[in-house]
Protein backbone atom coordinates (compact mmCIF):
# COMPACT_ATOMS: atom_id res chain seq x y z
CA MET A 1 1.01 -7.91 16.17
CA ARG A 2 1.29 -10.18 13.28
CA ARG A 3 2.30 -8.78 10.10
CA ARG A 4 -0.77 -9.36 8.23
CA THR A 5 -2.61 -7.50 10.86
CA ALA A 6 -0.56 -4.30 10.76
CA ARG A 7 -0.56 -4.37 7.00
CA LYS A 8 -4.42 -4.13 7.37
CA GLN A 9 -4.34 -1.71 9.88
CA ALA A 10 -2.08 0.39 7.50
CA PHE A 11 -3.97 -0.12 4.70
CA LEU A 12 -7.15 1.21 6.74
CA ALA A 13 -5.16 4.18 7.78
CA LEU A 14 -3.76 5.19 4.09
CA TYR A 15 -7.61 4.42 2.57
CA GLN A 16 -8.90 6.89 5.54
CA SER A 17 -6.36 9.70 4.98
CA ASP A 18 -6.68 9.53 1.22
CA ILE A 19 -10.48 9.15 1.06
CA ASN A 20 -11.17 12.10 3.25
CA GLU A 21 -8.13 14.15 1.87
CA ARG A 22 -6.60 14.74 5.10
CA PRO A 23 -2.66 14.40 6.33
CA LEU A 24 -1.76 10.94 7.72
CA GLU A 25 -0.80 12.71 10.90
CA ASP A 26 -4.60 13.46 11.16
CA THR A 27 -6.05 10.22 10.49
CA LEU A 28 -3.16 8.65 12.96
CA LYS A 29 -4.37 10.93 15.76
CA LEU A 30 -8.04 9.99 15.22
CA TRP A 31 -7.20 6.39 15.03
CA ARG A 32 -5.51 6.57 18.54
CA SER A 33 -8.28 8.25 19.96
CA TYR A 34 -10.98 5.88 18.84
CA LYS A 35 -8.95 2.56 18.57
CA GLY A 36 -5.51 2.98 20.81
CA GLU A 37 -1.97 2.76 19.83
CA PHE A 38 -1.17 2.01 16.11
CA ASP A 39 1.04 -0.73 15.62
CA GLY A 40 4.98 -0.13 15.09
CA TYR A 41 5.25 -2.23 11.75
CA ALA A 42 1.90 -0.61 10.58
CA LEU A 43 3.44 3.10 11.50
CA SER A 44 6.68 2.04 9.56
CA LEU A 45 4.37 1.44 6.44
CA THR A 46 2.01 4.53 6.64
CA GLU A 47 4.55 7.01 7.18
CA GLY A 48 6.78 5.10 4.18
CA VAL A 49 4.10 5.17 2.04
CA ALA A 50 3.03 8.88 2.76
CA ARG A 51 6.84 9.82 2.49
CA GLU A 52 7.34 7.82 -1.20
CA CYS A 53 3.79 8.36 -2.37
CA GLU A 54 4.98 10.34 -5.28
CA ASP A 55 7.59 7.39 -6.35
CA LEU A 56 5.26 4.83 -5.81
CA ASP A 57 2.45 6.54 -7.86
CA ALA A 58 5.11 7.19 -10.91
CA ARG A 59 5.88 3.38 -10.59
CA LEU A 60 2.35 2.38 -10.85
CA SER A 61 1.66 4.53 -13.30
CA GLU A 62 4.23 3.03 -15.61
CA VAL A 63 2.85 -0.89 -15.31
CA SER A 64 -0.98 0.11 -14.86
CA ILE A 65 -1.68 0.56 -18.56
CA GLY A 66 -4.69 2.56 -19.27
CA TRP A 67 -5.16 3.16 -15.70
CA THR A 68 -4.00 6.53 -13.99
CA VAL A 69 -3.15 6.03 -10.20
CA ARG A 70 -5.81 8.77 -9.46
CA ARG A 71 -8.46 6.99 -11.58
CA MET A 72 -7.92 3.71 -9.42
CA SER A 73 -10.72 3.15 -6.72
CA VAL A 74 -9.24 4.67 -3.38
CA VAL A 75 -9.11 0.97 -1.91
CA ASP A 76 -7.00 -0.24 -4.76
CA ARG A 77 -5.03 2.73 -4.65
CA ALA A 78 -3.93 2.17 -1.07
CA ILE A 79 -3.44 -1.31 -1.54
CA LEU A 80 -0.96 -1.00 -4.24
CA ARG A 81 1.07 1.90 -2.79
CA LEU A 82 1.27 -0.28 0.49
CA ALA A 83 2.46 -3.43 -1.42
CA LEU A 84 4.59 -1.37 -3.63
CA TYR A 85 6.08 0.33 -0.68
CA GLU A 86 6.98 -3.25 0.89
CA MET A 87 8.20 -4.54 -2.43
CA ILE A 88 10.72 -1.76 -2.85
CA TYR A 89 11.54 -0.38 0.56
CA VAL A 90 11.26 -3.40 3.41
CA ASP A 91 14.11 -5.87 2.79
CA ASP A 92 12.86 -8.82 4.73
CA VAL A 93 9.54 -8.79 2.62
CA PRO A 94 9.85 -10.75 -0.80
CA PRO A 95 7.87 -9.52 -3.58
CA GLU A 96 5.80 -12.51 -3.76
CA VAL A 97 4.43 -12.25 -0.01
CA ALA A 98 3.86 -8.23 -0.44
CA ILE A 99 1.59 -9.47 -4.11
CA SER A 100 -0.12 -12.22 -1.86
CA GLU A 101 -0.89 -9.94 1.03
CA ALA A 102 -2.36 -7.25 -1.23
CA VAL A 103 -4.36 -9.77 -3.01
CA GLU A 104 -5.94 -10.67 0.27
CA LEU A 105 -6.50 -7.48 1.26
CA ALA A 106 -8.18 -6.55 -2.18
CA THR A 107 -10.46 -9.61 -1.72
CA GLY A 108 -11.65 -8.77 1.75
CA PHE A 109 -12.08 -5.06 0.92
CA SER A 110 -12.57 -4.42 -2.74
CA SER A 111 -14.62 -5.29 -5.92
CA ASP A 112 -14.53 -8.90 -7.28
CA GLU A 113 -12.25 -7.75 -10.09
CA ALA A 114 -9.53 -5.95 -7.96
CA PRO A 115 -7.46 -9.10 -6.72
CA ALA A 116 -6.74 -10.00 -10.33
CA PHE A 117 -6.13 -6.20 -10.99
CA ILE A 118 -3.76 -5.57 -8.21
CA GLY A 119 -2.09 -9.00 -8.60
CA GLY A 120 -1.54 -8.01 -12.18
CA VAL A 121 -0.15 -4.58 -11.70
CA LEU A 122 2.20 -5.60 -8.80
CA ARG A 123 3.37 -8.59 -10.97
CA GLY A 124 4.00 -6.26 -13.76
CA ALA A 125 6.08 -4.11 -11.56
CA GLU A 126 8.30 -6.57 -10.24
CA GLY A 127 8.53 -8.04 -14.02
CA ARG A 128 9.54 -4.90 -15.31
CA ASN A 129 12.49 -4.46 -12.72
CA LEU A 130 10.72 -1.22 -10.99
CA LEU A 131 11.48 -2.80 -7.97
CA GLU A 132 15.19 -2.09 -7.18
CA ARG A 133 15.81 -2.00 -3.59
CA VAL A 134 16.40 1.57 -2.13
CA GLU A 135 18.86 1.60 0.37
CA HIS A 136 17.95 3.66 3.54
CA GLY A 137 19.45 4.45 6.47
């Protein structure tokens, strides 16, 4: 599966988990029962976002002036968390790619204003040096 498709799958799972206020495990179990196996890269992204959610939200709060993370739409919040996770925790994804993919998701799934909002927040995170790569084992 291409990474673009895996990102979309990860976004959909994160969105569903957030909107239903259910643990990611439950969402993935339902996904598998309806759609079959979940892509490995998508699983890595969704589990990573769930694990690092508090840190991601803190970083997003620093750059989304006037918008708390909880005030953002569920769609935008899922896209931002996913992209920021890739920007920080996935070594072989350049920030520009993560931003571009996030804008693409926003174009397909959110409001007309969302691509500019999401791109601006993520470029702000990149510009304010909030992306120090985290070493993971």
